[in-house]
Amino acid sequence: MSPTAEPGGRAVRLKVQKADQSVHTIELMVGSEAAAVQHAVTQGWRVLALEGAAGSSSAGRRAGAFPLLLFSQELLALLEAGLNLGEAIQTLYAKHSDGAAKEVLAQMVQALQEGRNFSDVLEASPQHFPTVYVATVRAAERTGDLPKALARYIAYQMQFDALRKKLISAAIYPVVLLVVGGLVTLFLLGYVVPRFSAVYESSGRPLPWLSMVLLQFGQWVHAHGALAVSALAVAVGGTGWALSRPAGRTWLLQRVLALPWLARQTAQFRLARFFRAVSLLLASGVALPRAMGMVTGLLGPQQQLALAQARRHVEQGRSLSAALQEAGLSSPVADSLIKVGERSGQMADMLERTARFHDDDFSRWIDWTSRLLEPVLMAIIGVVIGAVVVLMYMPIFELAGSLQ
């Protein structure tokens, strides 16, 4: 059945309980899930499950991981539609069929039915709900404005995700170049070079030293092909296994980010996340010293020590701008904006502006680096492949010269 329809809407299915306690599944052509729930509430129906767009799956979920951003977006939509927190969580629980999200929501429903605070329920699962998220919800419980707090966190997370996606997309092409260049080089060394070496051996002419080294290496690769392929497979498999584990990814990421030309930009990126997280917590009503302590994990090891010092100075009554500047956690732009926030009392807004400025600067650096890195990698790959080809043909060039 389709009780209502909006131009350009999409199909959203709801399981509702009507006033006569009968349960029905209805399909509405509306603009969003929130509009569908709002329509059901105005009809006096109780929403039991939200199935989303017809024929769609739960996009954005990964197996074994709790989709925090999607959960926050759906919870915000249900709360804005008029459901209370318990009804909204129950609806989300009924929507999911299985997986980690189903288990987390089941525990959440049970805890809320026992009368526990929502923030306490979230705090009991730190592997799914970060400290910043829990603190935002706890502050919203005091003010009674959970939808606004969720909207702020969604904006915070989406800005970070957009920057991360841009970084990943910028790294795809260089990685593809390296892989393709490596495969072409291996093909030349393992297949083409050995055939050239057989021709040169039958000629009986002396070879240039570099060409001889290349041909001997190609012959070794050809003679031990199974060993070379096995070693390559072990190396690729070991790298993949290490990257599939959090400790391995953390170790590799720390080594990469410690490179001299990346260290400064990494520090600026972490500072941007720090400023945005503190802005989120301040806007939610969390005190500044406590907010600074909650977001320590967003910074690097050296920055964490500096932040602890800055936090002590703030607790002693010093201004945030002076404390951050002395600890080396500021920049000229950040210092100016934070001072404006201290004078105007709009610290959360100024910290958000500071984070946005650093994010824009980091985005420009990504664009510049990717545009520079691509031709550099192509040149390096071209030089390597060209050197292999030239060394293969060098004896032919010398033979042609002697004949002339």
Protein backbone atom coordinates (compact mmCIF):
# COMPACT_ATOMS: atom_id res chain seq x y z
CA MET A 1 0.00 0.00 0.00
CA SER A 2 1.13 3.59 -0.62
CA PRO A 3 -0.73 6.08 1.58
CA THR A 4 1.37 9.03 0.46
CA ALA A 5 3.72 9.97 -2.32
CA GLU A 6 6.09 12.85 -2.92
CA PRO A 7 7.41 13.97 -6.32
CA GLY A 8 10.91 12.61 -6.79
CA GLY A 9 10.57 10.44 -3.69
CA ARG A 10 11.82 6.91 -3.18
CA ALA A 11 10.23 3.80 -1.78
CA VAL A 12 10.66 3.34 1.97
CA ARG A 13 9.11 0.36 3.75
CA LEU A 14 7.97 0.56 7.35
CA LYS A 15 6.63 -2.06 9.70
CA VAL A 16 4.06 -0.29 11.87
CA GLN A 17 1.60 -1.15 14.59
CA LYS A 18 -1.75 0.60 14.25
CA ALA A 19 -4.15 1.64 16.96
CA ASP A 20 -5.98 -1.72 16.83
CA GLN A 21 -2.63 -3.45 17.64
CA SER A 22 -2.46 -4.95 14.15
CA VAL A 23 0.95 -5.02 12.47
CA HIS A 24 1.30 -3.94 8.84
CA THR A 25 4.14 -3.38 6.39
CA ILE A 26 3.59 -0.21 4.40
CA GLU A 27 5.52 1.34 1.55
CA LEU A 28 5.72 5.12 1.22
CA MET A 29 7.06 7.20 -1.66
CA VAL A 30 8.84 9.95 0.26
CA GLY A 31 12.06 11.92 0.19
CA SER A 32 13.77 10.22 3.13
CA GLU A 33 13.41 7.71 5.97
CA ALA A 34 12.73 10.59 8.35
CA ALA A 35 9.78 11.74 6.24
CA ALA A 36 8.38 8.20 6.21
CA VAL A 37 8.62 7.88 9.99
CA GLN A 38 7.10 11.34 10.43
CA HIS A 39 4.13 10.35 8.29
CA ALA A 40 3.60 7.18 10.31
CA VAL A 41 3.77 9.09 13.60
CA THR A 42 1.22 11.66 12.41
CA GLN A 43 -1.14 8.79 11.56
CA GLY A 44 -0.88 7.53 15.12
CA TRP A 45 1.05 4.42 14.15
CA ARG A 46 3.97 2.97 16.09
CA VAL A 47 7.04 2.29 13.91
CA LEU A 48 8.43 -1.18 14.58
CA ALA A 49 11.04 -1.41 11.82
CA LEU A 50 12.55 0.77 9.15
CA GLU A 51 13.62 -1.18 6.08
CA GLY A 52 14.94 1.77 4.08
CA ALA A 53 14.82 2.10 0.33
CA ALA A 54 13.23 -0.81 -1.47
CA GLY A 55 15.78 -3.18 -2.88
CA SER A 56 18.68 -1.48 -1.13
CA SER A 57 21.17 -2.95 1.28
CA SER A 58 22.72 -1.45 4.32
CA ALA A 59 25.29 0.65 2.51
CA GLY A 60 28.35 1.73 4.34
CA ARG A 61 28.51 -1.31 6.63
CA ARG A 62 31.50 -3.55 6.81
CA ALA A 63 31.36 -7.08 8.06
CA GLY A 64 32.38 -7.23 11.69
CA ALA A 65 32.41 -3.44 12.21
CA PHE A 66 29.76 -1.22 13.73
CA PRO A 67 28.79 1.53 11.24
CA LEU A 68 28.92 4.46 13.66
CA LEU A 69 28.31 7.19 11.08
CA LEU A 70 25.37 5.38 9.51
CA PHE A 71 23.96 4.62 12.96
CA SER A 72 24.19 8.29 13.93
CA GLN A 73 22.53 9.44 10.70
CA GLU A 74 19.64 7.00 11.06
CA LEU A 75 19.22 7.76 14.75
CA LEU A 76 19.13 11.49 14.01
CA ALA A 77 16.51 10.95 11.30
CA LEU A 78 14.27 8.96 13.66
CA LEU A 79 14.64 11.44 16.53
CA GLU A 80 13.82 14.36 14.24
CA ALA A 81 10.78 12.42 13.03
CA GLY A 82 9.34 12.42 16.54
CA LEU A 83 10.37 9.09 18.05
CA ASN A 84 11.91 9.01 21.50
CA LEU A 85 15.32 7.47 22.05
CA GLY A 86 14.06 4.04 23.08
CA GLU A 87 11.70 3.77 20.12
CA ALA A 88 14.40 4.92 17.73
CA ILE A 89 16.92 2.34 18.98
CA GLN A 90 14.26 -0.37 18.87
CA THR A 91 13.47 0.60 15.28
CA LEU A 92 17.11 0.42 14.24
CA TYR A 93 17.44 -2.95 15.97
CA ALA A 94 14.47 -4.30 14.02
CA LYS A 95 15.92 -2.95 10.77
CA HIS A 96 19.18 -4.90 10.94
CA SER A 97 19.08 -8.59 10.13
CA ASP A 98 22.41 -9.81 11.47
CA GLY A 99 26.04 -8.91 12.01
CA ALA A 100 27.88 -6.84 14.58
CA ALA A 101 25.36 -3.99 14.37
CA LYS A 102 22.53 -6.32 15.37
CA GLU A 103 24.41 -7.50 18.47
CA VAL A 104 25.38 -3.99 19.56
CA LEU A 105 21.85 -2.69 19.08
CA ALA A 106 20.41 -5.65 20.99
CA GLN A 107 22.63 -4.84 23.98
CA MET A 108 21.67 -1.20 23.64
CA VAL A 109 17.94 -1.96 23.66
CA GLN A 110 18.26 -4.15 26.74
CA ALA A 111 20.34 -1.57 28.62
CA LEU A 112 17.92 1.25 27.84
CA GLN A 113 15.00 -0.88 28.97
CA GLU A 114 16.85 -1.34 32.27
CA GLY A 115 16.87 2.43 32.71
CA ARG A 116 20.55 3.12 32.03
CA ASN A 117 21.69 6.38 30.50
CA PHE A 118 22.42 6.33 26.79
CA SER A 119 25.95 7.67 27.32
CA ASP A 120 26.69 4.92 29.87
CA VAL A 121 25.50 2.33 27.37
CA LEU A 122 27.82 3.74 24.71
CA GLU A 123 30.74 3.96 27.12
CA ALA A 124 30.43 0.23 27.82
CA SER A 125 31.47 -0.47 24.19
CA PRO A 126 34.62 1.61 23.62
CA GLN A 127 35.56 -0.53 20.62
CA HIS A 128 32.52 0.83 18.77
CA PHE A 129 31.99 4.29 20.28
CA PRO A 130 35.01 6.62 20.66
CA THR A 131 35.48 8.86 23.67
CA VAL A 132 34.55 11.98 21.70
CA TYR A 133 31.23 10.43 20.71
CA VAL A 134 30.39 9.34 24.25
CA ALA A 135 31.29 12.77 25.67
CA THR A 136 29.14 14.49 23.06
CA VAL A 137 26.14 12.33 23.92
CA ARG A 138 26.70 12.74 27.68
CA ALA A 139 26.79 16.52 27.35
CA ALA A 140 23.63 16.42 25.21
CA GLU A 141 21.84 14.42 27.93
CA ARG A 142 22.37 17.35 30.28
CA THR A 143 21.03 19.88 27.80
CA GLY A 144 18.28 17.64 26.42
CA ASP A 145 19.29 18.28 22.79
CA LEU A 146 20.56 14.95 21.51
CA PRO A 147 19.61 15.55 17.83
CA LYS A 148 21.73 18.69 17.66
CA ALA A 149 24.69 16.89 19.22
CA LEU A 150 24.35 14.01 16.75
CA ALA A 151 24.22 16.47 13.86
CA ARG A 152 27.44 18.09 15.05
CA TYR A 153 29.21 14.72 15.33
CA ILE A 154 27.97 13.65 11.88
CA ALA A 155 29.39 16.84 10.36
CA TYR A 156 32.66 16.28 12.23
CA GLN A 157 33.01 12.70 11.00
CA MET A 158 31.95 13.43 7.42
CA GLN A 159 34.56 16.17 7.09
CA PHE A 160 37.26 13.76 8.24
CA ASP A 161 35.99 10.98 5.96
CA ALA A 162 35.97 13.32 2.95
CA LEU A 163 39.59 14.24 3.56
CA ARG A 164 40.59 10.62 4.07
CA LYS A 165 38.87 9.56 0.82
CA LYS A 166 40.69 12.32 -1.03
CA LEU A 167 44.00 11.09 0.36
CA ILE A 168 43.25 7.49 -0.63
CA SER A 169 42.15 8.46 -4.14
CA ALA A 170 45.33 10.50 -4.59
CA ALA A 171 47.43 7.46 -3.63
CA ILE A 172 45.72 5.00 -5.99
CA TYR A 173 47.34 6.12 -9.25
CA PRO A 174 50.93 6.14 -7.91
CA VAL A 175 50.43 2.65 -6.47
CA VAL A 176 49.07 1.40 -9.80
CA LEU A 177 52.08 2.92 -11.57
CA LEU A 178 54.49 1.18 -9.23
CA VAL A 179 52.74 -2.18 -9.58
CA VAL A 180 52.56 -2.02 -13.38
CA GLY A 181 56.16 -0.80 -13.66
CA GLY A 182 57.35 -3.57 -11.36
CA LEU A 183 55.52 -6.25 -13.34
CA VAL A 184 56.92 -4.99 -16.66
CA THR A 185 60.43 -4.96 -15.22
CA LEU A 186 60.03 -8.51 -13.89
CA PHE A 187 58.76 -9.66 -17.29
CA LEU A 188 61.79 -8.19 -19.02
CA LEU A 189 64.22 -9.72 -16.53
CA GLY A 190 62.58 -13.13 -16.32
CA TYR A 191 61.52 -13.70 -19.95
CA VAL A 192 63.11 -11.33 -22.46
CA VAL A 193 66.63 -10.99 -21.04
CA PRO A 194 67.33 -14.78 -20.87
CA ARG A 195 66.53 -15.11 -24.60
CA PHE A 196 68.90 -12.30 -25.47
CA SER A 197 71.61 -13.93 -23.35
CA ALA A 198 71.31 -17.17 -25.36
CA VAL A 199 71.87 -15.24 -28.60
CA TYR A 200 74.89 -13.40 -27.23
CA GLU A 201 76.46 -16.62 -25.86
CA SER A 202 76.29 -18.25 -29.27
CA SER A 203 78.03 -15.26 -30.89
CA GLY A 204 81.13 -15.68 -28.73
CA ARG A 205 81.78 -11.93 -28.59
CA PRO A 206 82.77 -10.22 -25.32
CA LEU A 207 79.95 -8.23 -23.69
CA PRO A 208 80.01 -4.87 -21.89
CA TRP A 209 80.26 -5.33 -18.14
CA LEU A 210 76.83 -3.87 -17.29
CA SER A 211 75.14 -5.89 -20.03
CA MET A 212 76.84 -9.05 -18.76
CA VAL A 213 75.61 -8.41 -15.19
CA LEU A 214 72.07 -7.84 -16.47
CA LEU A 215 72.10 -10.98 -18.62
CA GLN A 216 73.46 -13.12 -15.78
CA PHE A 217 70.78 -11.84 -13.45
CA GLY A 218 68.11 -12.58 -16.06
CA GLN A 219 69.47 -16.09 -16.49
CA TRP A 220 69.34 -16.64 -12.72
CA VAL A 221 65.74 -15.46 -12.57
CA HIS A 222 64.83 -17.73 -15.49
CA ALA A 223 66.61 -20.75 -13.98
CA HIS A 224 65.06 -20.24 -10.56
CA GLY A 225 61.63 -19.05 -11.69
CA ALA A 226 59.73 -21.12 -9.16
CA LEU A 227 61.90 -19.83 -6.31
CA ALA A 228 61.55 -16.22 -7.47
CA VAL A 229 57.78 -16.51 -7.81
CA SER A 230 57.54 -18.19 -4.39
CA ALA A 231 59.65 -15.48 -2.77
CA LEU A 232 57.49 -12.79 -4.39
CA ALA A 233 54.31 -14.54 -3.27
CA VAL A 234 55.62 -14.88 0.29
CA ALA A 235 56.61 -11.21 0.35
CA VAL A 236 53.22 -10.07 -0.98
CA GLY A 237 51.33 -12.46 1.30
CA GLY A 238 53.34 -11.45 4.35
CA THR A 239 52.79 -7.78 3.62
CA GLY A 240 49.07 -8.33 3.14
CA TRP A 241 48.83 -10.32 6.38
CA ALA A 242 50.72 -7.63 8.30
CA LEU A 243 48.50 -4.89 6.88
CA SER A 244 45.37 -6.86 7.79
CA ARG A 245 46.31 -6.62 11.49
CA PRO A 246 45.92 -3.34 13.39
CA ALA A 247 49.43 -3.57 14.86
CA GLY A 248 50.96 -4.06 11.41
CA ARG A 249 49.05 -1.16 9.90
CA THR A 250 50.03 1.06 12.83
CA TRP A 251 53.70 0.13 12.53
CA LEU A 252 53.79 0.76 8.78
CA LEU A 253 51.82 3.99 9.08
CA GLN A 254 54.18 5.31 11.74
CA ARG A 255 57.21 4.55 9.56
CA VAL A 256 55.69 6.20 6.51
CA LEU A 257 54.49 9.27 8.38
CA ALA A 258 57.93 9.69 9.95
CA LEU A 259 59.46 10.45 6.55
CA PRO A 260 60.88 14.00 6.57
CA TRP A 261 58.68 15.32 3.76
CA LEU A 262 55.55 13.85 5.39
CA ALA A 263 56.17 14.56 9.08
CA ARG A 264 55.23 18.26 8.98
CA GLN A 265 52.02 17.70 7.00
CA THR A 266 51.07 14.79 9.26
CA ALA A 267 51.47 17.00 12.33
CA GLN A 268 49.26 19.67 10.74
CA PHE A 269 46.62 17.07 9.84
CA ARG A 270 46.55 15.74 13.39
CA LEU A 271 46.29 19.26 14.76
CA ALA A 272 43.30 19.89 12.50
CA ARG A 273 41.55 16.81 13.91
CA PHE A 274 42.45 17.97 17.42
CA PHE A 275 40.97 21.44 16.87
CA ARG A 276 37.79 20.04 15.33
CA ALA A 277 37.28 17.48 18.11
CA VAL A 278 37.79 20.09 20.83
CA SER A 279 35.36 22.37 18.98
CA LEU A 280 32.78 19.57 18.92
CA LEU A 281 33.14 18.92 22.64
CA LEU A 282 33.02 22.60 23.57
CA ALA A 283 29.87 23.08 21.51
CA SER A 284 28.35 20.14 23.39
CA GLY A 285 29.10 21.75 26.75
CA VAL A 286 32.26 19.91 27.82
CA ALA A 287 34.77 22.01 29.79
CA LEU A 288 37.94 22.96 27.92
CA PRO A 289 40.52 21.09 30.08
CA ARG A 290 38.42 17.92 30.02
CA ALA A 291 37.90 18.24 26.26
CA MET A 292 41.65 18.53 25.74
CA GLY A 293 42.21 15.36 27.74
CA MET A 294 39.61 13.40 25.75
CA VAL A 295 41.18 13.97 22.36
CA THR A 296 44.77 13.10 23.28
CA GLY A 297 44.67 9.99 21.09
CA LEU A 298 44.24 12.09 17.94
CA LEU A 299 47.79 13.42 18.23
CA GLY A 300 51.19 11.84 17.78
CA PRO A 301 53.38 10.70 20.69
CA GLN A 302 55.39 13.94 20.89
CA GLN A 303 52.29 16.04 20.43
CA GLN A 304 50.56 14.16 23.26
CA LEU A 305 53.33 15.16 25.67
CA ALA A 306 53.04 18.76 24.53
CA LEU A 307 49.25 18.63 24.93
CA ALA A 308 49.58 17.38 28.52
CA GLN A 309 51.74 20.40 29.27
CA ALA A 310 49.27 22.77 27.57
CA ARG A 311 46.39 21.25 29.49
CA ARG A 312 48.16 21.83 32.81
CA HIS A 313 48.70 25.46 31.85
CA VAL A 314 45.01 25.87 30.97
CA GLU A 315 44.00 24.34 34.30
CA GLN A 316 46.29 26.85 36.01
CA GLY A 317 44.38 29.71 34.40
CA ARG A 318 46.40 30.52 31.31
CA SER A 319 44.70 31.20 28.00
CA LEU A 320 44.37 28.43 25.45
CA SER A 321 46.23 30.38 22.77
CA ALA A 322 49.23 30.98 25.02
CA ALA A 323 49.28 27.39 26.27
CA LEU A 324 49.15 25.91 22.76
CA GLN A 325 51.74 28.33 21.41
CA GLU A 326 54.18 27.54 24.21
CA ALA A 327 53.65 23.81 23.69
CA GLY A 328 54.25 24.06 19.94
CA LEU A 329 50.71 22.98 19.08
CA SER A 330 49.71 26.12 17.25
CA SER A 331 50.33 28.01 14.03
CA PRO A 332 50.09 31.70 13.16
CA VAL A 333 46.56 31.25 11.80
CA ALA A 334 45.45 29.08 14.71
CA ASP A 335 46.92 31.51 17.24
CA SER A 336 45.07 34.45 15.69
CA LEU A 337 41.73 32.67 15.40
CA ILE A 338 41.87 31.23 18.92
CA LYS A 339 42.62 34.68 20.33
CA VAL A 340 39.55 36.00 18.52
CA GLY A 341 37.54 33.17 20.07
CA GLU A 342 38.84 34.03 23.55
CA ARG A 343 37.83 37.67 23.14
CA SER A 344 34.42 36.99 21.60
CA GLY A 345 33.50 33.92 23.65
CA GLN A 346 33.02 31.87 20.44
CA MET A 347 35.84 29.45 21.06
CA ALA A 348 34.08 26.43 19.51
CA ASP A 349 33.39 28.32 16.28
CA MET A 350 36.95 29.64 16.04
CA LEU A 351 38.44 26.19 16.62
CA GLU A 352 36.23 24.82 13.85
CA ARG A 353 37.43 27.61 11.54
CA THR A 354 41.01 26.77 12.47
CA ALA A 355 40.48 23.10 11.63
CA ARG A 356 38.84 24.03 8.34
CA PHE A 357 41.78 26.25 7.42
CA HIS A 358 44.28 23.46 8.12
CA ASP A 359 42.12 20.95 6.22
CA ASP A 360 42.03 23.22 3.17
CA ASP A 361 45.79 23.66 3.37
CA PHE A 362 46.25 19.87 3.63
CA SER A 363 43.94 19.32 0.65
CA ARG A 364 45.97 21.71 -1.46
CA TRP A 365 49.13 19.88 -0.42
CA ILE A 366 47.60 16.56 -1.46
CA ASP A 367 46.67 17.97 -4.88
CA TRP A 368 50.13 19.45 -5.41
CA THR A 369 51.92 16.31 -4.25
CA SER A 370 49.82 13.97 -6.39
CA ARG A 371 50.36 16.14 -9.48
CA LEU A 372 54.10 16.15 -8.82
CA LEU A 373 54.44 12.51 -7.79
CA GLU A 374 52.77 11.01 -10.84
CA PRO A 375 55.23 12.36 -13.47
CA VAL A 376 58.17 11.66 -11.15
CA LEU A 377 57.12 8.01 -10.78
CA MET A 378 56.53 7.70 -14.51
CA ALA A 379 60.00 9.11 -15.14
CA ILE A 380 61.61 6.69 -12.67
CA ILE A 381 59.78 3.69 -14.14
CA GLY A 382 60.70 4.84 -17.63
CA VAL A 383 64.36 5.16 -16.68
CA VAL A 384 64.43 1.67 -15.13
CA ILE A 385 62.72 -0.02 -18.07
CA GLY A 386 64.75 2.02 -20.55
CA ALA A 387 67.99 1.05 -18.80
CA VAL A 388 67.08 -2.64 -19.04
CA VAL A 389 66.28 -2.32 -22.74
CA VAL A 390 69.43 -0.32 -23.51
CA LEU A 391 71.65 -2.81 -21.67
CA MET A 392 70.04 -5.66 -23.64
CA TYR A 393 70.70 -3.97 -26.98
CA MET A 394 74.12 -2.48 -26.15
CA PRO A 395 76.07 -5.48 -27.56
CA ILE A 396 74.08 -5.16 -30.79
CA PHE A 397 74.94 -1.47 -30.98
CA GLU A 398 78.64 -2.27 -30.50
CA LEU A 399 78.48 -5.01 -33.14
CA ALA A 400 76.85 -2.61 -35.61
CA GLY A 401 79.54 -0.02 -34.88
CA SER A 402 82.36 -2.53 -35.48
CA LEU A 403 80.83 -3.59 -38.79
CA GLN A 404 80.72 0.02 -39.95
